[in-house]
Structure formats: C-alpha cells, structure tokens
Amino acid sequence: MAGRLTYSGHAKAVLGLGLPLVGSHVAQFLITLTDGIMLGRYSVEALAANVLGGTLFFVLFIVGSGFAWAVMPMVASAEARGESTEVRRITRMGAWASILFAVIVIPVMMVSEPIFLLLGQEAEVSADAAVYLSIVGLGVLPALLVMVLKSYLAALERTQVVFWVTLTAVGLNVLVNYALIYGNWGFPELGLRGAAIASVIVNIASVLSLAVYVALVTPEHTLFTRFWRPDWEALLRVFRLGWPIGLTSLAESGLFAASTVMMGWLGKVPLAAHGIALQVVSLAFMVHIGLSNAATVRAGRAHGRQDRRDLTDGAKVVLFLSGAFAAITVVAFLLIPEWMITLFLNPDEPERGAVIAVGVGLLAAAALFQLMDAAQVMALGLLRGVQDTRVPMMIAAVSYWLVGIPVSYVLGFTFGLDGVGIWVGLAVGLACAAVLLLVRFWSSAVRAVGEVAEASSSA
C-alpha cells in the first residue's frame, strides 16, 4: 500500500504523539510525588496517612477514569472516519458519566475512617487519613473531567497543551503545598490538610485551563454548547466501553491497594517505605502509561480504517519502546535505590534508617516486574484501541486478585518474607496479566480486525 509507514515511521509517529503524553503523565504524577516528598519531610506520620488516604482516593478515581479512557479510542476512531458529530457526542457523554460517578463516590470519601479501621490499619493513621481524604475527595470531580478532556485532546493528537497545563499544575502544587503544609508566607501551618487543599485547588485550575483551550481551539466540536442536554444512546455506548476499563484499572490498582493494606499490618515504618517505593515505581510507570495512551490512539485510528498491517506494526514498535525503557528502570532500581528513597525523608527523621532499609529491599523486588508491568499496560492500551475491554477485564481480575494478592499474602506472611514477599507477589500477578493480555491481542483482536477488513474488501 502506497504511503505505508515503516517501523521507523511508526516509532516517529508513536513518539511524536506519546512523548507529550508521557510528559503529561509524569507531570501529573509529580503532583503526587511532591506531596509525598513534602509530607515525608514534614513527618513520617503525615506521609503514612497520605499513603493510606491517597490509596483509597486513587482506587476510586481510577475506576471513574474508565469513562475517560473510553473516550480516547472512540474519538480516535470517529475522527479517522471524519465523524465530527460523533466526536462531540462521545466526549460530552464521557463527561456526563464522570460527573455521575463523582456524585456517587464523594460521600464514601467523606466517611472513610471506619473503612481503614475495618482493614486493620492503626487508629491514629486511620484518623489522619480520613481527614486528608475528606478534603482531597472533593477534587475527584474536576480530576475526572481533566481526564476526559485529556483523552479527547489525545485522540485528536493535540497533546502539547496537555503536557504544558499539567506541568504548570506541578508548579502550582509545590507553591500551595509550601504555603499550607509548612505555614510559609503568612499562611497557617496545616500539614496534611494543607496538602489536601492544594490538590483540590490544582485540579480545579487544571480543568478550567483545559476547558478554555478546548473552547478556543476546537470550536468545530462545540463541546460545551447545550452541555446539559442528555444523549442517552451515546452515554450508553461510553458506559458499555468504559465500565470494563474502570474495573480493569480497579483490578490493577486494587492489587497495589491490597499491598498497601498488607504493608500497614506490618507497621508504620514498612507502610511509609512502601509508599516511597511505590511512588518511585509509579513515576517510572507513567512513561509506560503515556506510551500506552499513544498505542490506544494509534490502534484506534487503525481500527477505524480497518488496517490490520498498520495495527500490528504499530503494536510491535510500541512494545519495543516500552520494553527498552523498562530495562533502564531495572538498572536504576538495582544500582541507586537508597538515593531515590532519601529524597522523601527528612535528614533528621529518627526512623530514617529503618525506612531506607525496608525501601531498598522493595525496589529490588520492583526490578523483577518492570518488563511485565510494561507489557501488560501496553497490551491493555492496544486492546482498548480496538475497543476490546470485557475479556481484558476478566483477565486482569484473575491475574491480580486470584493470583497476585494470594501470592503476596503467602510470601509476605506465611513464609515470613514481609514487605519483599508482598512485592514479589505483585510481580507474579503482573506477569500473569502480561502473558494473557498479549495472547489476547495477537490471537483475537488482530484477527478480528483482519476479518472485518477482508469482509469489507470482498463486499
């Protein structure tokens, strides 16, 4: 076919689309990371509460993000077919679904202390985490709308603005944290509460900035005109594609949330070390998320054109790029773990040495699952691009909950390996998911696109 991309052409296209998305996800995570660093330097108690409360917030947020993730492949396919009206319908109803989800989960975050106590967490940490969550939970609505607008812009391959808005949000978060956590510039010293307030302010500022950009730069889609009018057919389609994505993300985030709960059983110091190590690992994971988003958009456009060759060549390239970065992180986790962990700790913290000792072991265990973690998120991105979400949801549930969590518990507690055993269990669950999801993509999704293309050419 004339004009077909070579592998290097695919790499250029993926990186051109993906690098701003990678930058956006890294910047987005830097907001969480700076919270961890600044609270860790405030006190280990504040950091532990932030880890616990932030974990529940993230679990609920990631479930709701399924509707935003659904917007990306649907808009990409519609745009490839030249259907502007469909782009508007999908994006609006993605926002509707996100708003409805936020209304449901905000009350849960307002009364979270009994949940933490039921999960066996220490009373003091549970109380502090509940206070943090009662404030930061208000930011879930603007945060979900940010995700919808980011998915819309990514599907249109307008990723530069997403990066710059998110990067600006990092700077704003640092400034507000500095003022409210420590009581600088005449503001009250609010500690953990200050970090929560900063997060809400940043999310509101981000969604307003993106909304203004969308209104000015993509007026042809008129996203906000008569926004209040329902489109039940489009809402149902977004829901059908989005809820399996949300539950898939819940299965994975639930795996790490369960590991956080189990680390809490081991005490405050292991929980703080786990929170630090998890943030380091998650920062690296943001690169794979960005590439996975690029894979979703590229696969969505190939799916819209029913171009099997473009789909498979693009998949090979994105898997290679993600694998190459994963290899780099393995080296970093094994060679400089102590330096990474000390970034989060006050030099005068009495328990600094104990936290570092636990954290170094956790990062060594994390090195085990870098390639598998990259492979599973790439496979999920590709499958979402071809709008295959229900079977991947079941694969994720089995891999993470029926394999990963039980192995974590057995290694951590039955065999007495503590935190390292819990993290090795994570590696096992991720490896299982990676293998099954890759098999699903190559054996089923690719074949289905090929069959549709052949049927269309013979008609």
Protein backbone atom coordinates (compact mmCIF):
# COMPACT_ATOMS: atom_id res chain seq x y z
CA MET A 1 0.00 0.00 0.00
CA ALA A 2 1.39 3.41 -1.02
CA GLY A 3 2.48 5.55 1.87
CA ARG A 4 2.53 2.71 4.41
CA LEU A 5 4.69 3.50 7.43
CA THR A 6 7.95 1.68 8.08
CA TYR A 7 8.89 0.63 11.62
CA SER A 8 10.92 3.82 11.98
CA GLY A 9 7.91 5.77 10.73
CA HIS A 10 5.73 4.12 13.35
CA ALA A 11 8.32 4.92 16.01
CA LYS A 12 8.35 8.56 14.96
CA ALA A 13 4.55 8.72 15.00
CA VAL A 14 4.31 6.99 18.40
CA LEU A 15 6.96 9.20 19.96
CA GLY A 16 5.52 12.36 18.41
CA LEU A 17 2.16 11.55 19.96
CA GLY A 18 3.43 9.72 23.02
CA LEU A 19 6.21 11.92 24.39
CA PRO A 20 3.92 14.82 25.30
CA LEU A 21 1.55 12.26 26.86
CA VAL A 22 4.48 10.72 28.75
CA GLY A 23 5.45 14.21 29.90
CA SER A 24 1.86 14.88 30.92
CA HIS A 25 1.59 11.68 32.96
CA VAL A 26 5.00 12.25 34.56
CA ALA A 27 3.98 15.81 35.40
CA GLN A 28 0.63 14.60 36.75
CA PHE A 29 2.39 12.10 38.94
CA LEU A 30 4.89 14.73 40.07
CA ILE A 31 1.95 16.34 41.84
CA THR A 32 1.53 13.17 43.91
CA LEU A 33 5.29 12.79 44.20
CA THR A 34 5.83 16.30 45.51
CA ASP A 35 3.05 15.69 48.05
CA GLY A 36 4.94 12.60 49.23
CA ILE A 37 8.30 14.34 49.38
CA MET A 38 6.99 17.45 51.14
CA LEU A 39 4.86 15.48 53.61
CA GLY A 40 7.70 13.00 54.23
CA ARG A 41 9.90 15.91 55.20
CA TYR A 42 7.10 17.19 57.43
CA SER A 43 6.69 13.89 59.34
CA VAL A 44 6.58 10.13 58.77
CA GLU A 45 3.10 10.11 60.37
CA ALA A 46 1.79 12.58 57.77
CA LEU A 47 3.38 10.55 54.97
CA ALA A 48 1.81 7.30 56.20
CA ALA A 49 -1.64 8.94 56.39
CA ASN A 50 -1.15 10.40 52.92
CA VAL A 51 -0.24 6.95 51.55
CA LEU A 52 -3.33 5.36 53.10
CA GLY A 53 -5.83 8.09 52.22
CA GLY A 54 -4.31 8.66 48.80
CA THR A 55 -4.59 4.96 48.01
CA LEU A 56 -8.36 4.94 48.52
CA PHE A 57 -8.72 8.17 46.53
CA PHE A 58 -6.70 6.69 43.68
CA VAL A 59 -8.69 3.45 43.64
CA LEU A 60 -11.97 5.32 43.31
CA PHE A 61 -10.53 7.82 40.85
CA ILE A 62 -9.10 5.12 38.60
CA VAL A 63 -12.45 3.33 38.42
CA GLY A 64 -14.15 6.55 37.35
CA SER A 65 -11.38 7.20 34.84
CA GLY A 66 -12.64 4.23 32.83
CA PHE A 67 -15.18 6.52 31.16
CA ALA A 68 -12.45 9.00 30.22
CA TRP A 69 -10.28 6.18 28.87
CA ALA A 70 -13.25 5.05 26.77
CA VAL A 71 -13.42 8.50 25.16
CA MET A 72 -9.92 8.12 23.71
CA PRO A 73 -10.36 5.13 21.32
CA MET A 74 -13.93 6.09 20.45
CA VAL A 75 -12.97 9.64 19.49
CA ALA A 76 -9.87 8.42 17.64
CA SER A 77 -11.93 6.01 15.52
CA ALA A 78 -14.65 8.61 14.87
CA GLU A 79 -12.06 11.20 13.87
CA ALA A 80 -10.41 8.70 11.50
CA ARG A 81 -13.82 8.28 9.83
CA GLY A 82 -14.40 12.05 9.69
CA GLU A 83 -17.41 11.98 12.03
CA SER A 84 -17.21 15.29 13.94
CA THR A 85 -20.69 14.99 15.42
CA GLU A 86 -19.78 11.61 16.88
CA VAL A 87 -16.67 13.12 18.46
CA ARG A 88 -18.82 15.70 20.25
CA ARG A 89 -21.42 13.19 21.41
CA ILE A 90 -18.84 10.78 22.84
CA THR A 91 -16.83 13.44 24.67
CA ARG A 92 -19.87 15.08 26.24
CA MET A 93 -21.27 11.81 27.49
CA GLY A 94 -17.84 10.80 28.79
CA ALA A 95 -18.01 13.95 30.92
CA TRP A 96 -21.58 13.12 31.97
CA ALA A 97 -20.57 9.61 33.07
CA SER A 98 -17.64 11.04 35.04
CA ILE A 99 -19.84 13.58 36.82
CA LEU A 100 -22.38 10.93 37.80
CA PHE A 101 -19.61 8.69 39.13
CA ALA A 102 -18.12 11.53 41.21
CA VAL A 103 -21.50 12.26 42.80
CA ILE A 104 -21.68 8.62 43.92
CA VAL A 105 -18.16 8.27 45.39
CA ILE A 106 -17.63 11.64 47.11
CA PRO A 107 -19.85 10.65 50.10
CA VAL A 108 -17.73 7.49 50.54
CA MET A 109 -14.61 9.63 50.91
CA MET A 110 -16.30 11.86 53.45
CA VAL A 111 -16.69 8.98 55.95
CA SER A 112 -13.64 6.79 55.31
CA GLU A 113 -12.22 6.21 58.83
CA PRO A 114 -14.35 3.09 59.53
CA ILE A 115 -13.14 1.63 56.23
CA PHE A 116 -9.49 1.99 57.24
CA LEU A 117 -10.14 0.57 60.71
CA LEU A 118 -12.04 -2.36 59.18
CA LEU A 119 -8.97 -3.04 57.04
CA GLY A 120 -6.84 -3.38 60.16
CA GLN A 121 -4.96 -0.08 59.97
CA GLU A 122 -3.59 1.70 63.03
CA ALA A 123 -6.15 4.01 64.68
CA GLU A 124 -4.01 7.17 64.54
CA VAL A 125 -3.06 6.69 60.89
CA SER A 126 -6.69 5.88 60.01
CA ALA A 127 -7.97 9.07 61.64
CA ASP A 128 -5.40 11.25 59.86
CA ALA A 129 -6.01 9.51 56.52
CA ALA A 130 -9.76 10.11 56.87
CA VAL A 131 -9.22 13.83 57.50
CA TYR A 132 -6.99 14.04 54.42
CA LEU A 133 -9.50 12.15 52.26
CA SER A 134 -12.48 14.25 53.41
CA ILE A 135 -10.77 17.26 51.80
CA VAL A 136 -8.96 15.78 48.80
CA GLY A 137 -12.06 13.76 47.88
CA LEU A 138 -13.76 16.97 46.75
CA GLY A 139 -11.21 17.15 43.96
CA VAL A 140 -12.31 13.90 42.32
CA LEU A 141 -14.90 15.67 40.12
CA PRO A 142 -12.52 18.18 38.49
CA ALA A 143 -9.85 15.45 38.32
CA LEU A 144 -12.17 13.15 36.33
CA LEU A 145 -13.18 15.97 33.99
CA VAL A 146 -9.49 16.69 33.41
CA MET A 147 -9.10 13.06 32.34
CA VAL A 148 -11.99 13.34 29.88
CA LEU A 149 -10.57 16.47 28.24
CA LYS A 150 -7.09 14.95 28.13
CA SER A 151 -8.45 11.84 26.41
CA TYR A 152 -10.37 13.99 23.91
CA LEU A 153 -7.29 16.05 23.07
CA ALA A 154 -5.04 12.98 22.90
CA ALA A 155 -7.41 11.30 20.45
CA LEU A 156 -7.17 14.42 18.26
CA GLU A 157 -3.36 14.25 18.67
CA ARG A 158 -3.30 17.65 20.40
CA THR A 159 -1.03 16.53 23.21
CA GLN A 160 1.31 19.51 23.64
CA VAL A 161 -1.24 21.55 25.59
CA VAL A 162 -1.96 18.59 27.87
CA PHE A 163 1.72 18.49 28.80
CA TRP A 164 2.03 22.22 29.45
CA VAL A 165 -1.14 22.50 31.52
CA THR A 166 -0.07 19.55 33.66
CA LEU A 167 3.47 20.88 34.09
CA THR A 168 2.09 24.23 35.23
CA ALA A 169 -0.09 22.36 37.71
CA VAL A 170 3.04 20.81 39.25
CA GLY A 171 4.49 24.23 39.94
CA LEU A 172 1.22 25.46 41.40
CA ASN A 173 1.02 22.39 43.64
CA VAL A 174 4.54 22.95 45.00
CA LEU A 175 3.79 26.61 45.78
CA VAL A 176 0.48 25.92 47.53
CA ASN A 177 1.99 22.97 49.41
CA TYR A 178 4.89 25.11 50.56
CA ALA A 179 2.48 27.73 51.84
CA LEU A 180 -0.07 25.46 53.50
CA ILE A 181 1.89 22.39 54.71
CA TYR A 182 4.64 24.34 56.47
CA GLY A 183 2.84 27.64 57.14
CA ASN A 184 5.01 29.90 54.96
CA TRP A 185 4.26 33.41 53.59
CA GLY A 186 1.85 34.14 56.43
CA PHE A 187 -0.40 31.13 55.80
CA PRO A 188 -1.38 28.75 58.64
CA GLU A 189 0.64 25.55 59.08
CA LEU A 190 -1.90 22.88 58.06
CA GLY A 191 0.37 19.87 57.44
CA LEU A 192 -1.62 17.01 55.90
CA ARG A 193 -4.71 19.21 55.46
CA GLY A 194 -2.64 21.73 53.52
CA ALA A 195 -1.56 19.09 51.02
CA ALA A 196 -5.18 18.05 50.51
CA ILE A 197 -6.34 21.63 49.92
CA ALA A 198 -3.51 22.14 47.43
CA SER A 199 -4.61 19.09 45.45
CA VAL A 200 -8.18 20.37 45.15
CA ILE A 201 -7.01 23.81 44.01
CA VAL A 202 -4.70 22.29 41.38
CA ASN A 203 -7.43 20.03 39.95
CA ILE A 204 -9.88 22.93 39.63
CA ALA A 205 -7.26 25.13 37.94
CA SER A 206 -6.36 22.31 35.52
CA VAL A 207 -9.90 21.59 34.35
CA LEU A 208 -10.64 25.30 33.85
CA SER A 209 -7.46 25.75 31.79
CA LEU A 210 -8.21 22.78 29.54
CA ALA A 211 -11.84 23.81 29.11
CA VAL A 212 -10.81 27.30 27.94
CA TYR A 213 -8.31 25.78 25.49
CA VAL A 214 -10.88 23.35 24.08
CA ALA A 215 -13.47 26.10 23.64
CA LEU A 216 -10.99 28.33 21.80
CA VAL A 217 -9.05 25.83 19.68
CA THR A 218 -11.62 23.17 18.75
CA PRO A 219 -14.80 25.25 18.27
CA GLU A 220 -15.95 22.92 15.48
CA HIS A 221 -16.93 20.32 18.07
CA THR A 222 -18.91 22.80 20.26
CA LEU A 223 -18.39 20.57 23.31
CA PHE A 224 -19.92 22.96 25.83
CA THR A 225 -22.90 24.19 23.81
CA ARG A 226 -26.08 22.79 25.36
CA PHE A 227 -23.88 20.56 27.51
CA TRP A 228 -26.81 19.85 29.81
CA ARG A 229 -28.78 18.02 27.10
CA PRO A 230 -28.63 14.22 27.54
CA ASP A 231 -27.66 11.87 24.72
CA TRP A 232 -28.72 8.53 26.12
CA GLU A 233 -27.54 6.42 23.18
CA ALA A 234 -24.02 7.87 23.28
CA LEU A 235 -23.96 7.71 27.09
CA LEU A 236 -24.83 4.02 26.94
CA ARG A 237 -22.03 3.33 24.46
CA VAL A 238 -19.49 5.20 26.58
CA PHE A 239 -20.71 3.31 29.65
CA ARG A 240 -20.50 -0.08 27.91
CA LEU A 241 -16.91 0.51 26.85
CA GLY A 242 -15.87 2.44 29.96
CA TRP A 243 -17.06 0.29 32.85
CA PRO A 244 -14.85 -2.71 31.90
CA ILE A 245 -11.89 -0.32 31.57
CA GLY A 246 -12.66 1.10 35.01
CA LEU A 247 -12.94 -2.34 36.57
CA THR A 248 -9.73 -3.45 34.83
CA SER A 249 -7.96 -0.45 36.32
CA LEU A 250 -9.60 -1.27 39.66
CA ALA A 251 -8.22 -4.79 39.48
CA GLU A 252 -4.69 -3.48 38.98
CA SER A 253 -4.90 -0.55 41.39
CA GLY A 254 -6.66 -2.89 43.82
CA LEU A 255 -3.63 -5.17 43.68
CA PHE A 256 -1.41 -2.32 44.82
CA ALA A 257 -4.03 -1.06 47.28
CA ALA A 258 -4.17 -4.53 48.83
CA SER A 259 -0.39 -4.48 49.11
CA THR A 260 -0.68 -1.12 50.92
CA VAL A 261 -3.17 -2.63 53.37
CA MET A 262 -0.88 -5.62 53.99
CA MET A 263 2.11 -3.32 54.49
CA GLY A 264 0.02 -1.40 57.03
CA TRP A 265 -0.32 -4.64 59.02
CA LEU A 266 3.47 -4.68 59.32
CA GLY A 267 3.54 -1.21 60.93
CA LYS A 268 4.10 2.48 60.29
CA VAL A 269 7.71 2.21 59.07
CA PRO A 270 7.06 -0.52 56.44
CA LEU A 271 3.98 1.42 55.29
CA ALA A 272 6.00 4.61 54.84
CA ALA A 273 8.76 2.71 52.99
CA HIS A 274 6.15 1.06 50.81
CA GLY A 275 4.63 4.44 49.99
CA ILE A 276 8.02 5.82 48.96
CA ALA A 277 8.95 2.78 46.86
CA LEU A 278 5.51 2.77 45.25
CA GLN A 279 5.89 6.40 44.24
CA VAL A 280 9.29 5.73 42.68
CA VAL A 281 7.90 2.75 40.74
CA SER A 282 4.79 4.68 39.75
CA LEU A 283 6.87 7.55 38.39
CA ALA A 284 8.61 5.15 36.02
CA PHE A 285 5.25 3.59 35.17
CA MET A 286 3.97 6.96 33.93
CA VAL A 287 6.24 6.58 30.89
CA HIS A 288 4.50 3.32 30.01
CA ILE A 289 1.08 4.88 30.59
CA GLY A 290 1.91 7.65 28.13
CA LEU A 291 3.10 5.16 25.52
CA SER A 292 0.02 3.04 26.20
CA ASN A 293 -2.21 6.07 25.51
CA ALA A 294 -0.35 6.61 22.24
CA ALA A 295 -0.89 2.93 21.44
CA THR A 296 -4.62 3.34 22.12
CA VAL A 297 -4.91 6.32 19.77
CA ARG A 298 -2.81 4.74 17.00
CA ALA A 299 -4.65 1.42 17.33
CA GLY A 300 -7.98 3.28 17.42
CA ARG A 301 -7.20 5.02 14.14
CA ALA A 302 -6.04 1.77 12.53
CA HIS A 303 -9.23 0.14 13.82
CA GLY A 304 -11.32 2.96 12.33
CA ARG A 305 -9.65 2.31 8.94
CA GLN A 306 -9.69 -1.49 9.46
CA ASP A 307 -5.95 -1.57 8.66
CA ARG A 308 -4.54 -4.78 10.13
CA ARG A 309 -0.96 -4.20 8.98
CA ASP A 310 -0.83 -0.73 10.49
CA LEU A 311 -2.23 -2.13 13.74
CA THR A 312 0.33 -4.93 14.06
CA ASP A 313 3.37 -2.90 13.00
CA GLY A 314 2.45 -0.14 15.42
CA ALA A 315 1.97 -2.67 18.22
CA LYS A 316 5.44 -4.15 17.68
CA VAL A 317 7.03 -0.72 17.80
CA VAL A 318 5.28 0.46 20.97
CA LEU A 319 6.09 -2.81 22.76
CA PHE A 320 9.76 -2.41 21.85
CA LEU A 321 9.90 1.21 23.03
CA SER A 322 8.22 0.38 26.33
CA GLY A 323 10.46 -2.65 26.89
CA ALA A 324 13.61 -0.59 26.30
CA PHE A 325 12.60 1.93 28.96
CA ALA A 326 11.69 -0.87 31.39
CA ALA A 327 15.21 -2.27 31.05
CA ILE A 328 16.63 1.12 32.07
CA THR A 329 14.47 1.27 35.19
CA VAL A 330 15.59 -2.21 36.24
CA VAL A 331 19.18 -0.98 36.28
CA ALA A 332 18.25 2.16 38.24
CA PHE A 333 16.28 0.28 40.89
CA LEU A 334 19.20 -2.08 41.48
CA LEU A 335 22.02 0.48 41.44
CA ILE A 336 20.69 3.65 43.14
CA PRO A 337 17.72 2.66 45.34
CA GLU A 338 18.97 4.35 48.52
CA TRP A 339 19.42 7.71 46.79
CA MET A 340 15.84 7.57 45.48
CA ILE A 341 14.39 6.81 48.91
CA THR A 342 16.32 9.54 50.74
CA LEU A 343 14.63 12.17 48.57
CA PHE A 344 11.45 11.58 50.56
CA LEU A 345 12.91 11.73 54.06
CA ASN A 346 13.96 14.48 56.42
CA PRO A 347 17.67 14.06 57.32
CA ASP A 348 16.71 14.44 60.99
CA GLU A 349 13.90 11.85 60.89
CA PRO A 350 14.58 9.36 63.75
CA GLU A 351 13.32 6.39 61.74
CA ARG A 352 15.11 7.36 58.53
CA GLY A 353 17.49 4.37 58.59
CA ALA A 354 14.72 1.85 59.13
CA VAL A 355 12.61 3.28 56.29
CA ILE A 356 15.61 3.23 53.91
CA ALA A 357 16.44 -0.39 54.79
CA VAL A 358 12.92 -1.58 54.00
CA GLY A 359 12.63 0.59 50.89
CA VAL A 360 15.84 -0.71 49.30
CA GLY A 361 14.53 -4.27 49.50
CA LEU A 362 11.21 -3.22 47.98
CA LEU A 363 12.86 -1.53 45.00
CA ALA A 364 14.95 -4.66 44.39
CA ALA A 365 11.70 -6.64 44.26
CA ALA A 366 10.21 -3.99 41.96
CA ALA A 367 13.02 -4.60 39.47
CA LEU A 368 11.53 -8.08 38.96
CA PHE A 369 8.29 -6.84 37.45
CA GLN A 370 9.32 -3.87 35.30
CA LEU A 371 9.21 -5.69 31.95
CA MET A 372 5.98 -7.49 32.82
CA ASP A 373 4.31 -4.33 34.08
CA ALA A 374 5.26 -2.55 30.86
CA ALA A 375 3.96 -5.42 28.72
CA GLN A 376 0.59 -5.64 30.45
CA VAL A 377 -0.18 -1.92 30.21
CA MET A 378 0.88 -1.84 26.54
CA ALA A 379 -1.40 -4.78 25.80
CA LEU A 380 -4.28 -3.06 27.59
CA GLY A 381 -3.70 0.12 25.58
CA LEU A 382 -3.74 -1.78 22.30
CA LEU A 383 -6.85 -3.73 23.23
CA ARG A 384 -8.66 -0.52 24.20
CA GLY A 385 -7.73 0.92 20.83
CA VAL A 386 -9.68 -1.86 19.09
CA GLN A 387 -12.45 -1.44 21.72
CA ASP A 388 -11.88 -4.86 23.29
CA THR A 389 -12.40 -4.31 27.04
CA ARG A 390 -14.56 -7.04 28.60
CA VAL A 391 -12.27 -10.06 28.24
CA PRO A 392 -9.23 -7.98 29.32
CA MET A 393 -11.25 -7.02 32.41
CA MET A 394 -11.69 -10.70 33.31
CA ILE A 395 -8.03 -11.45 32.62
CA ALA A 396 -7.00 -8.60 34.90
CA ALA A 397 -9.33 -9.71 37.70
CA VAL A 398 -7.99 -13.26 37.64
CA SER A 399 -4.33 -12.25 37.35
CA TYR A 400 -4.32 -9.61 40.03
CA TRP A 401 -6.87 -10.89 42.53
CA LEU A 402 -6.76 -14.67 42.20
CA VAL A 403 -3.02 -14.88 41.57
CA GLY A 404 -1.19 -11.73 42.68
CA ILE A 405 -2.86 -10.98 46.02
CA PRO A 406 -2.84 -14.57 47.34
CA VAL A 407 0.82 -15.00 46.38
CA SER A 408 1.64 -11.68 48.09
CA TYR A 409 -0.06 -12.81 51.29
CA VAL A 410 1.52 -16.26 51.31
CA LEU A 411 5.05 -14.99 50.64
CA GLY A 412 4.73 -11.99 52.96
CA PHE A 413 3.11 -13.66 55.97
CA THR A 414 3.07 -17.46 55.66
CA PHE A 415 6.71 -17.60 54.55
CA GLY A 416 7.69 -14.56 56.63
CA LEU A 417 9.26 -12.53 53.82
CA ASP A 418 7.35 -9.42 54.95
CA GLY A 419 7.38 -6.49 52.52
CA VAL A 420 9.66 -8.10 49.96
CA GLY A 421 7.38 -11.13 49.79
CA ILE A 422 4.35 -8.90 49.26
CA TRP A 423 6.11 -7.17 46.36
CA VAL A 424 7.23 -10.43 44.77
CA GLY A 425 3.55 -11.41 44.75
CA LEU A 426 2.86 -8.22 42.80
CA ALA A 427 5.41 -9.34 40.23
CA VAL A 428 3.71 -12.71 39.83
CA GLY A 429 0.28 -11.14 39.27
CA LEU A 430 1.61 -8.65 36.73
CA ALA A 431 3.48 -11.38 34.84
CA CYS A 432 0.32 -13.48 34.58
CA ALA A 433 -1.64 -10.50 33.23
CA ALA A 434 1.05 -9.58 30.72
CA VAL A 435 1.17 -13.03 29.16
CA LEU A 436 -2.60 -13.47 28.90
CA LEU A 437 -3.28 -9.96 27.58
CA LEU A 438 -0.61 -10.21 24.90
CA VAL A 439 -2.03 -13.55 23.79
CA ARG A 440 -5.49 -11.95 23.66
CA PHE A 441 -4.28 -9.10 21.45
CA TRP A 442 -2.31 -11.15 18.94
CA SER A 443 -4.63 -14.13 18.74
CA SER A 444 -8.02 -12.45 18.87
CA ALA A 445 -8.05 -8.68 18.40
CA VAL A 446 -5.69 -8.60 15.43
CA ARG A 447 -7.51 -11.47 13.75
CA ALA A 448 -10.88 -9.74 14.23
CA VAL A 449 -9.65 -6.55 12.52
CA GLY A 450 -8.28 -8.62 9.65
CA GLU A 451 -11.56 -10.47 9.19
CA VAL A 452 -13.58 -7.24 9.09
CA ALA A 453 -11.15 -5.73 6.58
CA GLU A 454 -11.36 -8.82 4.34
CA ALA A 455 -15.16 -8.80 4.51
CA SER A 456 -15.27 -5.12 3.58
CA SER A 457 -12.91 -5.59 0.61
CA SER A 458 -14.91 -8.51 -0.77
CA ALA A 459 -18.29 -6.80 -0.37
